[in-house]
Amino acid sequence: MTEAPINVPAAINRVQAHDNGGIAVFIGTVRSSAAAEGHDGDDVIGLDYEAHQELADERLRAICAEAGERWDIRRAVVIHRIGACPLGEPTVVIACGAPHRKDALEACRWIIDSVKRSVPIFKREVYENGTAWVSPEGTTTYR
């Protein structure tokens, strides 16, 4: 978890190793289209993320550990932004290093799906005319 912009190359460097033949990376960024329902074409101008940081950090570590049990990955990194994020900025970066690409790719996908489903990180879309908290499924939770 970080309030600072994510350094994507540094995250990738953290999973590089001589025994890794594949590195898979997922970068989630702020997009202009609204995920929340009922916004009549309102463009997103930014996102705000909040988290229960202690629980989120604990859950992120557990997800990475479980990924290491499911796939032959040697290293995994998850970095998620909290606070205000402008358009185009990375909000989550996941990098997995493994001897083979299949394990790196599968673990990376499973990790982002697990983060969205189970980590206490909360997203609010910001529009020119208001805001809406959004669930991982893209539904408005409240305005």
Protein backbone atom coordinates (compact mmCIF):
# COMPACT_ATOMS: atom_id res chain seq x y z
CA MET A 1 0.00 0.00 0.00
CA THR A 2 1.33 3.41 -0.90
CA GLU A 3 0.13 6.99 -1.16
CA ALA A 4 2.95 7.78 -3.61
CA PRO A 5 2.78 7.07 -7.34
CA ILE A 6 3.78 3.48 -8.08
CA ASN A 7 7.21 2.93 -9.58
CA VAL A 8 6.38 0.18 -12.08
CA PRO A 9 9.98 -0.57 -13.18
CA ALA A 10 11.00 -0.96 -9.51
CA ALA A 11 8.17 -3.46 -8.94
CA ILE A 12 9.31 -5.49 -11.96
CA ASN A 13 12.92 -5.38 -10.77
CA ARG A 14 11.84 -6.88 -7.44
CA VAL A 15 10.75 -10.12 -9.16
CA GLN A 16 13.66 -10.49 -11.56
CA ALA A 17 16.02 -13.36 -10.83
CA HIS A 18 18.40 -15.56 -12.79
CA ASP A 19 16.14 -18.58 -12.35
CA ASN A 20 13.01 -16.80 -13.62
CA GLY A 21 12.28 -17.41 -17.28
CA GLY A 22 9.05 -15.42 -17.21
CA ILE A 23 7.76 -12.30 -15.54
CA ALA A 24 4.06 -11.46 -15.77
CA VAL A 25 2.87 -7.97 -14.91
CA PHE A 26 -0.59 -6.52 -14.44
CA ILE A 27 -0.98 -2.74 -14.24
CA GLY A 28 -4.39 -1.34 -13.36
CA THR A 29 -4.83 2.33 -14.26
CA VAL A 30 -7.44 5.04 -13.78
CA ARG A 31 -9.74 5.12 -16.81
CA SER A 32 -12.16 7.85 -17.82
CA SER A 33 -15.23 5.64 -18.17
CA ALA A 34 -17.39 5.10 -15.10
CA ALA A 35 -17.70 1.62 -13.62
CA ALA A 36 -20.55 2.64 -11.33
CA GLU A 37 -24.06 2.22 -12.59
CA GLY A 38 -26.34 5.19 -13.14
CA HIS A 39 -23.88 7.88 -14.15
CA ASP A 40 -25.37 8.73 -17.53
CA GLY A 41 -22.05 8.93 -19.31
CA ASP A 42 -20.30 10.94 -16.59
CA ASP A 43 -16.55 10.84 -17.20
CA VAL A 44 -14.31 9.84 -14.34
CA ILE A 45 -11.73 12.53 -13.57
CA GLY A 46 -9.96 10.54 -10.85
CA LEU A 47 -10.23 7.87 -8.20
CA ASP A 48 -9.86 7.93 -4.44
CA TYR A 49 -8.85 4.74 -2.66
CA GLU A 50 -9.17 4.05 1.05
CA ALA A 51 -8.13 0.90 2.88
CA HIS A 52 -7.99 -0.70 6.26
CA GLN A 53 -4.22 -0.72 5.87
CA GLU A 54 -3.26 -3.30 8.49
CA LEU A 55 -5.85 -5.80 7.28
CA ALA A 56 -5.12 -5.03 3.62
CA ASP A 57 -1.37 -5.59 4.07
CA GLU A 58 -2.04 -8.85 5.91
CA ARG A 59 -4.41 -10.05 3.19
CA LEU A 60 -1.99 -9.07 0.38
CA ARG A 61 0.80 -11.09 2.03
CA ALA A 62 -1.55 -14.09 2.41
CA ILE A 63 -2.60 -13.88 -1.25
CA CYS A 64 1.03 -13.83 -2.42
CA ALA A 65 1.85 -16.78 -0.13
CA GLU A 66 -1.11 -18.77 -1.47
CA ALA A 67 -0.09 -17.99 -5.05
CA GLY A 68 3.34 -19.40 -4.23
CA GLU A 69 1.71 -22.62 -3.05
CA ARG A 70 -0.51 -22.92 -6.15
CA TRP A 71 2.10 -22.09 -8.82
CA ASP A 72 5.85 -22.34 -9.17
CA ILE A 73 6.49 -18.63 -8.77
CA ARG A 74 9.69 -17.55 -7.09
CA ARG A 75 8.71 -13.96 -6.34
CA ALA A 76 5.51 -11.91 -6.34
CA VAL A 77 4.89 -8.23 -5.68
CA VAL A 78 1.59 -6.40 -5.20
CA ILE A 79 1.53 -2.63 -4.80
CA HIS A 80 -1.78 -0.80 -4.46
CA ARG A 81 -2.36 2.94 -4.29
CA ILE A 82 -4.42 4.65 -1.66
CA GLY A 83 -5.48 8.28 -1.79
CA ALA A 84 -6.23 10.43 -4.83
CA CYS A 85 -5.23 9.07 -8.25
CA PRO A 86 -5.50 11.07 -11.50
CA LEU A 87 -6.45 9.69 -14.93
CA GLY A 88 -3.94 7.31 -16.44
CA GLU A 89 -2.05 6.68 -13.21
CA PRO A 90 -1.31 3.11 -12.14
CA THR A 91 -3.40 2.18 -9.11
CA VAL A 92 -2.28 -1.43 -8.74
CA VAL A 93 0.77 -3.29 -9.99
CA ILE A 94 1.25 -7.02 -9.71
CA ALA A 95 4.43 -8.72 -10.85
CA CYS A 96 5.17 -12.45 -10.70
CA GLY A 97 8.47 -14.08 -11.54
CA ALA A 98 8.60 -17.79 -12.33
CA PRO A 99 10.81 -20.27 -14.15
CA HIS A 100 8.06 -20.65 -16.78
CA ARG A 101 5.60 -18.13 -18.27
CA LYS A 102 2.49 -20.24 -17.63
CA ASP A 103 2.93 -20.13 -13.86
CA ALA A 104 3.78 -16.41 -13.92
CA LEU A 105 0.73 -15.55 -16.02
CA GLU A 106 -1.73 -17.74 -14.11
CA ALA A 107 -0.51 -16.54 -10.72
CA CYS A 108 -0.66 -12.89 -11.80
CA ARG A 109 -4.27 -13.23 -12.95
CA TRP A 110 -5.29 -15.12 -9.82
CA ILE A 111 -3.64 -12.52 -7.60
CA ILE A 112 -5.49 -9.54 -9.15
CA ASP A 113 -8.79 -11.43 -8.99
CA SER A 114 -8.13 -12.27 -5.33
CA VAL A 115 -7.15 -8.69 -4.50
CA LYS A 116 -10.36 -7.33 -6.04
CA ARG A 117 -12.47 -9.96 -4.27
CA SER A 118 -11.00 -10.03 -0.77
CA VAL A 119 -8.73 -7.12 0.18
CA PRO A 120 -10.36 -4.28 2.16
CA ILE A 121 -9.56 -1.53 -0.36
CA PHE A 122 -12.40 0.82 -1.25
CA LYS A 123 -12.70 2.79 -4.50
CA ARG A 124 -14.54 6.05 -5.03
CA GLU A 125 -14.97 7.38 -8.55
CA VAL A 126 -14.69 11.16 -8.84
CA TYR A 127 -16.73 12.99 -11.51
CA GLU A 128 -17.04 16.69 -12.26
CA ASN A 129 -20.48 16.64 -10.63
CA GLY A 130 -19.94 14.29 -7.68
CA THR A 131 -18.56 10.98 -6.49
CA ALA A 132 -19.66 7.35 -6.03
CA TRP A 133 -18.18 4.49 -4.04
CA VAL A 134 -17.88 1.46 -6.30
CA SER A 135 -17.81 -2.24 -5.47
CA PRO A 136 -15.37 -4.57 -7.25
CA GLU A 137 -18.31 -5.65 -9.46
CA GLY A 138 -18.78 -2.05 -10.66
CA THR A 139 -21.99 -1.24 -8.83
CA THR A 140 -22.55 1.98 -6.94
CA THR A 141 -22.57 1.43 -3.21
CA TYR A 142 -23.52 5.00 -2.32
CA ARG A 143 -23.10 8.57 -3.55
